[in-house]
Amino acid sequence: MEPLVAPKTLDELISSLHRELAGDEADVKRVKWLMESYEAVPSEYAQFVKWDPDCYTRTLVDRGNGKFNLIVLCWSEGQGSCIHAHSDAHCFMKVMDGSLRESVFGWPNTEGSSDEKSLELLQATDYPKGQCAYINDSMGVHRVENASQTRKAISLHLYSPPFDMCKTFDERTGHIRTCKISFTGHGCAGSQEKPSCPGS
């Protein structure tokens, strides 16, 4: 197996991810190491930074030859996602500025049932700048939020394989709905559309 080299730039990170995710299986430890090793420089990702006072934004950075999507998310103060799953994909989240809180919940057992039961909170973790979180559907469903009321946050997300539909969950009832995931705004190298349902 080829030894990993810490990427010094965003372009190097993208190239390394293309190599690492060229096959059918993702090595979670190696991909997470690459994401954590990249020391984000604001000038490199500035073209993907878009702010919306009503909702966080999702800007596509790279399509990964169909193997993954790399996306910059921008969170204004207090903004957060709904509780959602990841369509059996790997999800990596690196905080590039500010900090983000991830709340992980157990899967509801109400699918196909009219019973209502609140989701069980399994853990809540605050991730400061530079740290990388990982989740997949076997670990639960999650919500990501910028809990700060005074500072914005920016994160870099990788999904492998990419997906455009996901399940979202009502925290109080466990009710499930399926919604389309898209992108936001526009960018020089990034592709963006308004999301119909927030996910991260």
N, C-alpha and C. Protein backbone atom coordinates (compact mmCIF):
# COMPACT_ATOMS: atom_id res chain seq x y z
N MET A 1 0.85 -1.20 0.00
CA MET A 1 0.00 0.00 0.00
C MET A 1 0.89 1.25 0.00
N GLU A 2 0.55 2.19 -0.85
CA GLU A 2 1.35 3.41 -0.99
C GLU A 2 1.33 4.22 0.29
N PRO A 3 2.50 4.66 0.78
CA PRO A 3 2.52 5.48 2.00
C PRO A 3 1.85 6.83 1.75
N LEU A 4 1.19 7.34 2.77
CA LEU A 4 0.51 8.62 2.65
C LEU A 4 1.47 9.77 2.90
N VAL A 5 1.24 10.87 2.17
CA VAL A 5 2.01 12.09 2.35
C VAL A 5 1.01 13.20 2.69
N ALA A 6 1.29 13.95 3.74
CA ALA A 6 0.38 15.02 4.15
C ALA A 6 0.23 16.06 3.04
N PRO A 7 -0.99 16.34 2.61
CA PRO A 7 -1.20 17.35 1.56
C PRO A 7 -0.91 18.75 2.08
N LYS A 8 -0.17 19.51 1.30
CA LYS A 8 0.19 20.88 1.71
C LYS A 8 -0.80 21.92 1.19
N THR A 9 -1.57 21.56 0.16
CA THR A 9 -2.53 22.48 -0.44
C THR A 9 -3.84 21.76 -0.66
N LEU A 10 -4.88 22.52 -0.95
CA LEU A 10 -6.18 21.93 -1.26
C LEU A 10 -6.09 21.09 -2.53
N ASP A 11 -5.35 21.55 -3.52
CA ASP A 11 -5.18 20.77 -4.75
C ASP A 11 -4.49 19.44 -4.47
N GLU A 12 -3.49 19.46 -3.59
CA GLU A 12 -2.81 18.21 -3.23
C GLU A 12 -3.76 17.27 -2.50
N LEU A 13 -4.60 17.82 -1.64
CA LEU A 13 -5.58 17.00 -0.94
C LEU A 13 -6.52 16.34 -1.94
N ILE A 14 -7.02 17.11 -2.89
CA ILE A 14 -7.94 16.56 -3.90
C ILE A 14 -7.26 15.45 -4.70
N SER A 15 -6.01 15.68 -5.12
CA SER A 15 -5.28 14.66 -5.87
C SER A 15 -5.10 13.39 -5.03
N SER A 16 -4.76 13.55 -3.76
CA SER A 16 -4.58 12.40 -2.88
C SER A 16 -5.89 11.64 -2.69
N LEU A 17 -7.00 12.35 -2.57
CA LEU A 17 -8.30 11.70 -2.41
C LEU A 17 -8.69 10.95 -3.67
N HIS A 18 -8.38 11.49 -4.84
CA HIS A 18 -8.65 10.79 -6.09
C HIS A 18 -7.91 9.45 -6.11
N ARG A 19 -6.66 9.46 -5.69
CA ARG A 19 -5.89 8.21 -5.67
C ARG A 19 -6.44 7.25 -4.62
N GLU A 20 -6.73 7.77 -3.44
CA GLU A 20 -7.14 6.91 -2.34
C GLU A 20 -8.52 6.30 -2.57
N LEU A 21 -9.39 7.01 -3.29
CA LEU A 21 -10.76 6.55 -3.49
C LEU A 21 -11.01 6.08 -4.91
N ALA A 22 -9.96 5.67 -5.60
CA ALA A 22 -10.09 5.21 -6.99
C ALA A 22 -10.77 3.85 -7.07
N GLY A 23 -10.66 3.04 -6.01
CA GLY A 23 -11.25 1.71 -6.01
C GLY A 23 -12.69 1.72 -5.53
N ASP A 24 -13.16 0.53 -5.17
CA ASP A 24 -14.55 0.39 -4.75
C ASP A 24 -14.74 0.52 -3.23
N GLU A 25 -13.66 0.42 -2.47
CA GLU A 25 -13.76 0.49 -1.02
C GLU A 25 -12.91 1.65 -0.48
N ALA A 26 -13.45 2.36 0.51
CA ALA A 26 -12.71 3.45 1.13
C ALA A 26 -12.02 2.95 2.39
N ASP A 27 -10.75 3.28 2.55
CA ASP A 27 -10.02 2.99 3.79
C ASP A 27 -10.24 4.20 4.70
N VAL A 28 -11.14 4.04 5.66
CA VAL A 28 -11.58 5.17 6.48
C VAL A 28 -10.40 5.83 7.20
N LYS A 29 -9.51 5.03 7.76
CA LYS A 29 -8.40 5.60 8.52
C LYS A 29 -7.49 6.44 7.63
N ARG A 30 -7.23 5.96 6.41
CA ARG A 30 -6.34 6.69 5.50
C ARG A 30 -7.00 7.98 5.01
N VAL A 31 -8.28 7.92 4.67
CA VAL A 31 -8.98 9.12 4.20
C VAL A 31 -9.08 10.15 5.32
N LYS A 32 -9.40 9.69 6.52
CA LYS A 32 -9.50 10.63 7.65
C LYS A 32 -8.15 11.27 7.93
N TRP A 33 -7.08 10.49 7.82
CA TRP A 33 -5.74 11.03 8.05
C TRP A 33 -5.43 12.13 7.04
N LEU A 34 -5.78 11.90 5.78
CA LEU A 34 -5.55 12.92 4.75
C LEU A 34 -6.34 14.19 5.07
N MET A 35 -7.60 14.04 5.44
CA MET A 35 -8.43 15.21 5.75
C MET A 35 -7.86 15.97 6.95
N GLU A 36 -7.44 15.25 7.98
CA GLU A 36 -6.91 15.91 9.17
C GLU A 36 -5.56 16.55 8.91
N SER A 37 -4.77 15.94 8.03
CA SER A 37 -3.40 16.44 7.78
C SER A 37 -3.39 17.72 6.96
N TYR A 38 -4.46 17.95 6.19
CA TYR A 38 -4.52 19.18 5.40
C TYR A 38 -4.72 20.38 6.32
N GLU A 39 -3.79 21.30 6.31
CA GLU A 39 -3.90 22.53 7.10
C GLU A 39 -4.52 23.61 6.22
N ALA A 40 -5.80 23.82 6.44
CA ALA A 40 -6.58 24.68 5.57
C ALA A 40 -6.08 26.12 5.56
N VAL A 41 -5.91 26.66 4.37
CA VAL A 41 -5.48 28.05 4.16
C VAL A 41 -6.66 28.80 3.55
N PRO A 42 -7.17 29.85 4.21
CA PRO A 42 -8.37 30.54 3.72
C PRO A 42 -8.32 30.96 2.26
N SER A 43 -7.15 31.42 1.78
CA SER A 43 -7.07 31.87 0.40
C SER A 43 -7.32 30.74 -0.59
N GLU A 44 -7.09 29.48 -0.18
CA GLU A 44 -7.29 28.35 -1.07
C GLU A 44 -8.76 27.98 -1.24
N TYR A 45 -9.54 28.19 -0.20
CA TYR A 45 -10.95 27.82 -0.29
C TYR A 45 -11.90 29.03 -0.34
N ALA A 46 -11.34 30.22 -0.46
CA ALA A 46 -12.16 31.44 -0.43
C ALA A 46 -13.23 31.46 -1.51
N GLN A 47 -12.92 30.91 -2.69
CA GLN A 47 -13.88 30.93 -3.79
C GLN A 47 -15.12 30.08 -3.50
N PHE A 48 -15.03 29.18 -2.51
CA PHE A 48 -16.15 28.32 -2.18
C PHE A 48 -16.94 28.81 -0.97
N VAL A 49 -16.54 29.93 -0.41
CA VAL A 49 -17.18 30.46 0.80
C VAL A 49 -18.34 31.37 0.40
N LYS A 50 -19.54 30.97 0.73
CA LYS A 50 -20.76 31.72 0.46
C LYS A 50 -21.61 31.74 1.72
N TRP A 51 -22.12 32.90 2.08
CA TRP A 51 -22.92 33.01 3.31
C TRP A 51 -24.36 33.32 2.97
N ASP A 52 -25.27 32.74 3.74
CA ASP A 52 -26.70 32.98 3.59
C ASP A 52 -27.26 33.20 5.00
N PRO A 53 -27.95 34.32 5.25
CA PRO A 53 -28.43 34.58 6.62
C PRO A 53 -29.50 33.61 7.07
N ASP A 54 -30.13 32.89 6.13
CA ASP A 54 -31.25 32.01 6.48
C ASP A 54 -30.87 30.54 6.60
N CYS A 55 -29.79 30.14 5.97
CA CYS A 55 -29.45 28.72 5.95
C CYS A 55 -27.96 28.57 5.65
N TYR A 56 -27.34 27.52 6.19
CA TYR A 56 -25.95 27.28 5.84
C TYR A 56 -25.86 26.91 4.36
N THR A 57 -24.69 27.07 3.77
CA THR A 57 -24.54 26.82 2.34
C THR A 57 -23.64 25.62 2.09
N ARG A 58 -23.83 24.97 0.93
CA ARG A 58 -23.06 23.79 0.52
C ARG A 58 -22.52 24.04 -0.88
N THR A 59 -21.21 24.13 -1.04
CA THR A 59 -20.58 24.42 -2.32
C THR A 59 -19.71 23.25 -2.76
N LEU A 60 -20.02 22.70 -3.92
CA LEU A 60 -19.25 21.57 -4.43
C LEU A 60 -17.86 22.00 -4.87
N VAL A 61 -16.84 21.33 -4.35
CA VAL A 61 -15.45 21.61 -4.69
C VAL A 61 -14.96 20.65 -5.76
N ASP A 62 -15.29 19.35 -5.62
CA ASP A 62 -14.79 18.35 -6.56
C ASP A 62 -15.75 17.15 -6.58
N ARG A 63 -15.99 16.62 -7.77
CA ARG A 63 -16.91 15.48 -7.93
C ARG A 63 -16.22 14.13 -7.79
N GLY A 64 -14.90 14.11 -7.69
CA GLY A 64 -14.20 12.88 -7.40
C GLY A 64 -14.40 11.76 -8.40
N ASN A 65 -14.54 12.10 -9.68
CA ASN A 65 -14.73 11.09 -10.73
C ASN A 65 -15.85 10.11 -10.40
N GLY A 66 -16.90 10.62 -9.75
CA GLY A 66 -18.04 9.79 -9.42
C GLY A 66 -17.86 8.95 -8.17
N LYS A 67 -16.68 8.98 -7.55
CA LYS A 67 -16.40 8.17 -6.37
C LYS A 67 -16.71 8.92 -5.07
N PHE A 68 -16.66 10.24 -5.11
CA PHE A 68 -16.92 11.02 -3.90
C PHE A 68 -17.30 12.44 -4.29
N ASN A 69 -17.88 13.16 -3.35
CA ASN A 69 -18.09 14.60 -3.45
C ASN A 69 -17.31 15.27 -2.33
N LEU A 70 -16.61 16.36 -2.67
CA LEU A 70 -15.92 17.18 -1.67
C LEU A 70 -16.61 18.54 -1.67
N ILE A 71 -17.07 18.97 -0.48
CA ILE A 71 -17.97 20.11 -0.39
C ILE A 71 -17.54 21.03 0.75
N VAL A 72 -17.57 22.34 0.51
CA VAL A 72 -17.37 23.33 1.57
C VAL A 72 -18.73 23.77 2.09
N LEU A 73 -18.90 23.71 3.41
CA LEU A 73 -20.12 24.18 4.06
C LEU A 73 -19.80 25.40 4.90
N CYS A 74 -20.65 26.41 4.81
CA CYS A 74 -20.47 27.66 5.57
C CYS A 74 -21.66 27.84 6.51
N TRP A 75 -21.35 27.98 7.79
CA TRP A 75 -22.36 28.04 8.85
C TRP A 75 -22.30 29.40 9.53
N SER A 76 -23.34 30.20 9.36
CA SER A 76 -23.43 31.44 10.13
C SER A 76 -23.77 31.09 11.58
N GLU A 77 -23.72 32.09 12.44
CA GLU A 77 -23.95 31.88 13.86
C GLU A 77 -25.30 31.19 14.10
N GLY A 78 -25.28 30.08 14.85
CA GLY A 78 -26.51 29.40 15.24
C GLY A 78 -27.12 28.50 14.19
N GLN A 79 -26.56 28.43 13.00
CA GLN A 79 -27.14 27.60 11.95
C GLN A 79 -26.79 26.13 12.15
N GLY A 80 -27.71 25.25 11.74
CA GLY A 80 -27.47 23.83 11.87
C GLY A 80 -28.29 23.04 10.86
N SER A 81 -27.93 21.78 10.72
CA SER A 81 -28.66 20.89 9.81
C SER A 81 -29.83 20.25 10.55
N CYS A 82 -30.71 19.61 9.79
CA CYS A 82 -31.69 18.73 10.41
C CYS A 82 -30.98 17.42 10.76
N ILE A 83 -31.63 16.55 11.50
CA ILE A 83 -31.08 15.23 11.78
C ILE A 83 -31.24 14.38 10.53
N HIS A 84 -30.15 13.74 10.11
CA HIS A 84 -30.19 13.05 8.82
C HIS A 84 -29.24 11.85 8.80
N ALA A 85 -29.48 10.98 7.83
CA ALA A 85 -28.61 9.84 7.56
C ALA A 85 -27.80 10.14 6.31
N HIS A 86 -27.02 9.15 5.83
CA HIS A 86 -26.08 9.41 4.75
C HIS A 86 -26.15 8.40 3.60
N SER A 87 -27.31 7.76 3.44
CA SER A 87 -27.54 6.89 2.28
C SER A 87 -26.43 5.86 2.10
N ASP A 88 -26.00 5.27 3.22
CA ASP A 88 -24.96 4.23 3.22
C ASP A 88 -23.60 4.72 2.72
N ALA A 89 -23.35 6.02 2.81
CA ALA A 89 -22.07 6.58 2.39
C ALA A 89 -21.18 6.84 3.61
N HIS A 90 -19.87 6.94 3.37
CA HIS A 90 -18.94 7.44 4.37
C HIS A 90 -19.06 8.96 4.41
N CYS A 91 -19.04 9.54 5.60
CA CYS A 91 -19.10 10.99 5.75
C CYS A 91 -17.93 11.46 6.61
N PHE A 92 -17.09 12.32 6.06
CA PHE A 92 -15.98 12.93 6.78
C PHE A 92 -16.24 14.43 6.86
N MET A 93 -15.99 15.04 8.01
CA MET A 93 -16.21 16.47 8.19
C MET A 93 -15.00 17.08 8.87
N LYS A 94 -14.27 17.91 8.15
CA LYS A 94 -13.12 18.61 8.72
C LYS A 94 -13.50 20.07 8.99
N VAL A 95 -13.27 20.53 10.20
CA VAL A 95 -13.55 21.92 10.54
C VAL A 95 -12.36 22.78 10.11
N MET A 96 -12.62 23.74 9.22
CA MET A 96 -11.54 24.60 8.71
C MET A 96 -11.49 25.95 9.41
N ASP A 97 -12.62 26.37 9.98
CA ASP A 97 -12.63 27.62 10.75
C ASP A 97 -13.79 27.55 11.74
N GLY A 98 -13.59 28.16 12.91
CA GLY A 98 -14.61 28.11 13.94
C GLY A 98 -14.67 26.73 14.58
N SER A 99 -15.84 26.36 15.07
CA SER A 99 -16.04 25.03 15.64
C SER A 99 -17.47 24.58 15.33
N LEU A 100 -17.68 23.25 15.32
CA LEU A 100 -18.99 22.69 15.03
C LEU A 100 -19.32 21.62 16.07
N ARG A 101 -20.60 21.51 16.36
CA ARG A 101 -21.09 20.49 17.28
C ARG A 101 -21.82 19.41 16.48
N GLU A 102 -21.42 18.16 16.72
CA GLU A 102 -22.11 17.02 16.12
C GLU A 102 -22.88 16.28 17.19
N SER A 103 -24.19 16.10 16.98
CA SER A 103 -25.04 15.32 17.87
C SER A 103 -25.44 14.05 17.14
N VAL A 104 -25.08 12.89 17.69
CA VAL A 104 -25.37 11.60 17.07
C VAL A 104 -26.54 10.96 17.81
N PHE A 105 -27.51 10.47 17.05
CA PHE A 105 -28.72 9.86 17.60
C PHE A 105 -28.82 8.41 17.12
N GLY A 106 -29.49 7.59 17.91
CA GLY A 106 -29.80 6.24 17.46
C GLY A 106 -30.88 6.26 16.39
N TRP A 107 -30.87 5.26 15.54
CA TRP A 107 -31.90 5.16 14.51
C TRP A 107 -33.26 4.95 15.16
N PRO A 108 -34.30 5.61 14.61
CA PRO A 108 -35.65 5.34 15.12
C PRO A 108 -36.13 3.97 14.64
N ASN A 109 -37.05 3.39 15.35
CA ASN A 109 -37.62 2.12 14.91
C ASN A 109 -39.09 2.28 14.56
N THR A 110 -39.42 3.46 14.00
CA THR A 110 -40.81 3.78 13.70
C THR A 110 -41.11 3.71 12.21
N GLU A 111 -40.15 3.30 11.37
CA GLU A 111 -40.41 3.26 9.94
C GLU A 111 -41.52 2.26 9.65
N GLY A 112 -42.53 2.71 8.92
CA GLY A 112 -43.67 1.86 8.62
C GLY A 112 -44.66 1.77 9.77
N SER A 113 -44.47 2.59 10.80
CA SER A 113 -45.33 2.56 11.98
C SER A 113 -45.83 3.96 12.28
N SER A 114 -47.00 4.03 12.89
CA SER A 114 -47.54 5.34 13.28
C SER A 114 -47.12 5.72 14.68
N ASP A 115 -46.38 4.85 15.37
CA ASP A 115 -45.91 5.15 16.72
C ASP A 115 -44.94 6.32 16.70
N GLU A 116 -45.00 7.14 17.75
CA GLU A 116 -44.10 8.27 17.88
C GLU A 116 -43.19 8.05 19.08
N LYS A 117 -41.88 8.22 18.85
CA LYS A 117 -40.91 8.06 19.92
C LYS A 117 -39.74 8.97 19.62
N SER A 118 -39.33 9.76 20.61
CA SER A 118 -38.24 10.70 20.39
C SER A 118 -36.93 9.95 20.15
N LEU A 119 -36.04 10.56 19.38
CA LEU A 119 -34.76 9.95 19.10
C LEU A 119 -33.87 9.98 20.33
N GLU A 120 -33.06 8.94 20.48
CA GLU A 120 -32.14 8.86 21.62
C GLU A 120 -30.81 9.51 21.25
N LEU A 121 -30.41 10.50 22.04
CA LEU A 121 -29.11 11.14 21.83
C LEU A 121 -28.02 10.23 22.37
N LEU A 122 -27.11 9.81 21.48
CA LEU A 122 -26.03 8.91 21.87
C LEU A 122 -24.81 9.67 22.36
N GLN A 123 -24.47 10.76 21.66
CA GLN A 123 -23.33 11.57 22.08
C GLN A 123 -23.36 12.90 21.36
N ALA A 124 -22.75 13.90 21.98
CA ALA A 124 -22.60 15.22 21.38
C ALA A 124 -21.13 15.61 21.53
N THR A 125 -20.52 16.03 20.43
CA THR A 125 -19.09 16.34 20.42
C THR A 125 -18.86 17.68 19.75
N ASP A 126 -18.04 18.52 20.37
CA ASP A 126 -17.64 19.78 19.75
C ASP A 126 -16.30 19.58 19.07
N TYR A 127 -16.24 19.93 17.79
CA TYR A 127 -15.02 19.79 16.99
C TYR A 127 -14.44 21.18 16.70
N PRO A 128 -13.26 21.48 17.23
CA PRO A 128 -12.62 22.77 16.93
C PRO A 128 -11.92 22.75 15.58
N LYS A 129 -11.42 23.88 15.20
CA LYS A 129 -10.69 24.02 13.94
C LYS A 129 -9.57 22.97 13.85
N GLY A 130 -9.50 22.31 12.69
CA GLY A 130 -8.45 21.34 12.42
C GLY A 130 -8.86 19.90 12.64
N GLN A 131 -9.90 19.65 13.44
CA GLN A 131 -10.31 18.27 13.71
C GLN A 131 -11.24 17.75 12.62
N CYS A 132 -11.27 16.41 12.49
CA CYS A 132 -12.09 15.76 11.47
C CYS A 132 -12.98 14.72 12.14
N ALA A 133 -14.27 14.77 11.86
CA ALA A 133 -15.24 13.79 12.36
C ALA A 133 -15.55 12.79 11.27
N TYR A 134 -16.02 11.62 11.69
CA TYR A 134 -16.43 10.60 10.72
C TYR A 134 -17.70 9.92 11.22
N ILE A 135 -18.61 9.62 10.28
CA ILE A 135 -19.81 8.86 10.62
C ILE A 135 -20.25 8.08 9.39
N ASN A 136 -20.89 6.94 9.65
CA ASN A 136 -21.64 6.24 8.60
C ASN A 136 -22.94 5.76 9.23
N ASP A 137 -23.84 5.21 8.42
CA ASP A 137 -25.17 4.91 8.92
C ASP A 137 -25.20 3.83 9.99
N SER A 138 -24.17 2.99 10.06
CA SER A 138 -24.14 1.97 11.10
C SER A 138 -23.90 2.58 12.48
N MET A 139 -23.41 3.82 12.51
CA MET A 139 -23.10 4.49 13.76
C MET A 139 -24.26 5.33 14.27
N GLY A 140 -25.27 5.55 13.44
CA GLY A 140 -26.41 6.36 13.82
C GLY A 140 -26.67 7.46 12.81
N VAL A 141 -27.52 8.39 13.19
CA VAL A 141 -27.84 9.56 12.36
C VAL A 141 -27.36 10.79 13.14
N HIS A 142 -27.18 11.91 12.45
CA HIS A 142 -26.62 13.04 13.20
C HIS A 142 -27.16 14.39 12.75
N ARG A 143 -26.88 15.36 13.62
CA ARG A 143 -27.14 16.78 13.31
C ARG A 143 -25.83 17.52 13.54
N VAL A 144 -25.53 18.47 12.64
CA VAL A 144 -24.34 19.30 12.77
C VAL A 144 -24.80 20.74 12.93
N GLU A 145 -24.18 21.47 13.86
CA GLU A 145 -24.60 22.87 14.06
C GLU A 145 -23.43 23.71 14.54
N ASN A 146 -23.51 24.98 14.17
CA ASN A 146 -22.60 25.98 14.71
C ASN A 146 -23.26 26.54 15.96
N ALA A 147 -22.83 26.06 17.12
CA ALA A 147 -23.48 26.47 18.36
C ALA A 147 -23.09 27.88 18.81
N SER A 148 -22.09 28.47 18.18
CA SER A 148 -21.65 29.80 18.56
C SER A 148 -22.65 30.87 18.08
N GLN A 149 -22.88 31.85 18.91
CA GLN A 149 -23.72 32.99 18.53
C GLN A 149 -22.88 34.21 18.15
N THR A 150 -21.55 34.03 18.12
CA THR A 150 -20.68 35.17 17.85
C THR A 150 -19.67 34.91 16.73
N ARG A 151 -19.57 33.66 16.25
CA ARG A 151 -18.56 33.35 15.26
C ARG A 151 -19.08 32.38 14.20
N LYS A 152 -18.75 32.64 12.96
CA LYS A 152 -19.10 31.75 11.86
C LYS A 152 -18.20 30.52 11.87
N ALA A 153 -18.57 29.51 11.08
CA ALA A 153 -17.76 28.30 10.96
C ALA A 153 -17.75 27.83 9.50
N ILE A 154 -16.65 27.17 9.11
CA ILE A 154 -16.51 26.64 7.76
C ILE A 154 -15.98 25.21 7.88
N SER A 155 -16.56 24.30 7.11
CA SER A 155 -16.13 22.90 7.17
C SER A 155 -16.00 22.33 5.77
N LEU A 156 -15.18 21.29 5.67
CA LEU A 156 -14.94 20.59 4.42
C LEU A 156 -15.46 19.16 4.60
N HIS A 157 -16.42 18.76 3.75
CA HIS A 157 -17.07 17.46 3.88
C HIS A 157 -16.75 16.58 2.69
N LEU A 158 -16.55 15.31 2.96
CA LEU A 158 -16.35 14.33 1.91
C LEU A 158 -17.37 13.22 2.08
N TYR A 159 -18.08 12.89 0.98
CA TYR A 159 -19.05 11.81 0.98
C TYR A 159 -18.64 10.80 -0.08
N SER A 160 -18.52 9.53 0.32
CA SER A 160 -18.14 8.48 -0.62
C SER A 160 -18.95 7.22 -0.32
N PRO A 161 -19.74 6.74 -1.31
CA PRO A 161 -19.98 7.35 -2.61
C PRO A 161 -20.88 8.58 -2.49
N PRO A 162 -20.90 9.43 -3.51
CA PRO A 162 -21.77 10.61 -3.47
C PRO A 162 -23.24 10.20 -3.51
N PHE A 163 -24.10 11.06 -2.99
CA PHE A 163 -25.54 10.78 -3.01
C PHE A 163 -26.31 12.08 -3.13
N ASP A 164 -27.54 12.00 -3.64
CA ASP A 164 -28.36 13.21 -3.77
C ASP A 164 -29.72 13.09 -3.09
N MET A 165 -29.94 11.98 -2.37
CA MET A 165 -31.15 11.81 -1.58
C MET A 165 -30.75 11.30 -0.20
N CYS A 166 -31.44 11.76 0.83
CA CYS A 166 -31.17 11.23 2.17
C CYS A 166 -32.43 11.27 3.01
N LYS A 167 -32.39 10.52 4.10
CA LYS A 167 -33.50 10.50 5.04
C LYS A 167 -33.23 11.51 6.15
N THR A 168 -34.29 12.22 6.54
CA THR A 168 -34.20 13.15 7.67
C THR A 168 -35.22 12.73 8.72
N PHE A 169 -35.00 13.19 9.97
CA PHE A 169 -35.75 12.65 11.09
C PHE A 169 -36.24 13.75 12.01
N ASP A 170 -37.47 13.60 12.49
CA ASP A 170 -38.01 14.50 13.50
C ASP A 170 -37.52 14.03 14.87
N GLU A 171 -36.83 14.89 15.60
CA GLU A 171 -36.23 14.49 16.87
C GLU A 171 -37.28 14.08 17.89
N ARG A 172 -38.44 14.71 17.88
CA ARG A 172 -39.46 14.42 18.90
C ARG A 172 -40.26 13.17 18.60
N THR A 173 -40.53 12.91 17.31
CA THR A 173 -41.43 11.81 16.94
C THR A 173 -40.72 10.64 16.27
N GLY A 174 -39.50 10.87 15.74
CA GLY A 174 -38.82 9.84 14.99
C GLY A 174 -39.33 9.67 13.58
N HIS A 175 -40.30 10.49 13.18
CA HIS A 175 -40.85 10.37 11.83
C HIS A 175 -39.77 10.65 10.79
N ILE A 176 -39.83 9.92 9.70
CA ILE A 176 -38.80 9.96 8.66
C ILE A 176 -39.38 10.54 7.38
N ARG A 177 -38.59 11.35 6.70
CA ARG A 177 -38.94 11.75 5.34
C ARG A 177 -37.68 11.72 4.49
N THR A 178 -37.88 11.58 3.21
CA THR A 178 -36.78 11.54 2.25
C THR A 178 -36.74 12.84 1.48
N CYS A 179 -35.56 13.42 1.34
CA CYS A 179 -35.46 14.69 0.62
C CYS A 179 -34.22 14.72 -0.26
N LYS A 180 -34.24 15.63 -1.19
CA LYS A 180 -33.16 15.77 -2.16
C LYS A 180 -32.08 16.68 -1.61
N ILE A 181 -30.84 16.29 -1.81
CA ILE A 181 -29.69 17.08 -1.39
C ILE A 181 -29.10 17.76 -2.62
N SER A 182 -28.82 19.05 -2.51
CA SER A 182 -28.23 19.76 -3.65
C SER A 182 -27.17 20.73 -3.12
N PHE A 183 -26.81 21.70 -3.95
CA PHE A 183 -25.77 22.65 -3.59
C PHE A 183 -26.33 24.07 -3.60
N THR A 184 -25.51 25.05 -3.24
CA THR A 184 -25.98 26.41 -2.97
C THR A 184 -25.18 27.47 -3.72
N GLY A 185 -25.86 28.42 -4.37
CA GLY A 185 -25.18 29.60 -4.91
C GLY A 185 -24.37 29.34 -6.16
N HIS A 186 -23.18 29.93 -6.24
CA HIS A 186 -22.32 29.76 -7.41
C HIS A 186 -20.88 29.98 -6.97
N GLY A 187 -19.94 29.51 -7.76
CA GLY A 187 -18.53 29.67 -7.41
C GLY A 187 -17.66 29.52 -8.63
N CYS A 188 -16.42 29.99 -8.55
CA CYS A 188 -15.52 29.93 -9.69
C CYS A 188 -15.28 28.50 -10.14
N ALA A 189 -14.89 27.64 -9.18
CA ALA A 189 -14.65 26.25 -9.52
C ALA A 189 -15.73 25.36 -8.92
N GLY A 190 -16.59 25.91 -8.09
CA GLY A 190 -17.59 25.11 -7.39
C GLY A 190 -18.94 25.19 -8.06
N SER A 191 -19.71 24.11 -7.93
CA SER A 191 -21.07 24.08 -8.43
C SER A 191 -22.01 24.16 -7.25
N GLN A 192 -23.02 25.03 -7.33
CA GLN A 192 -23.87 25.26 -6.18
C GLN A 192 -25.32 25.47 -6.59
N GLU A 193 -26.24 24.93 -5.80
CA GLU A 193 -27.67 25.14 -5.98
C GLU A 193 -28.29 25.27 -4.60
N LYS A 194 -29.49 25.84 -4.53
CA LYS A 194 -30.17 25.99 -3.24
C LYS A 194 -30.64 24.64 -2.73
N PRO A 195 -30.30 24.25 -1.49
CA PRO A 195 -30.73 22.95 -1.00
C PRO A 195 -32.22 22.94 -0.71
N SER A 196 -32.91 21.84 -1.12
CA SER A 196 -34.33 21.71 -0.82
C SER A 196 -34.54 21.18 0.58
N CYS A 197 -33.54 20.53 1.14
CA CYS A 197 -33.61 20.02 2.50
C CYS A 197 -32.21 19.99 3.09
N PRO A 198 -31.98 20.66 4.20
CA PRO A 198 -30.62 20.71 4.74
C PRO A 198 -30.10 19.35 5.16
N GLY A 199 -28.88 19.05 4.78
CA GLY A 199 -28.17 17.85 5.23
C GLY A 199 -26.70 18.18 5.26
N SER A 200 -25.91 17.41 5.97
CA SER A 200 -24.49 17.72 6.02
C SER A 200 -23.68 16.45 6.04
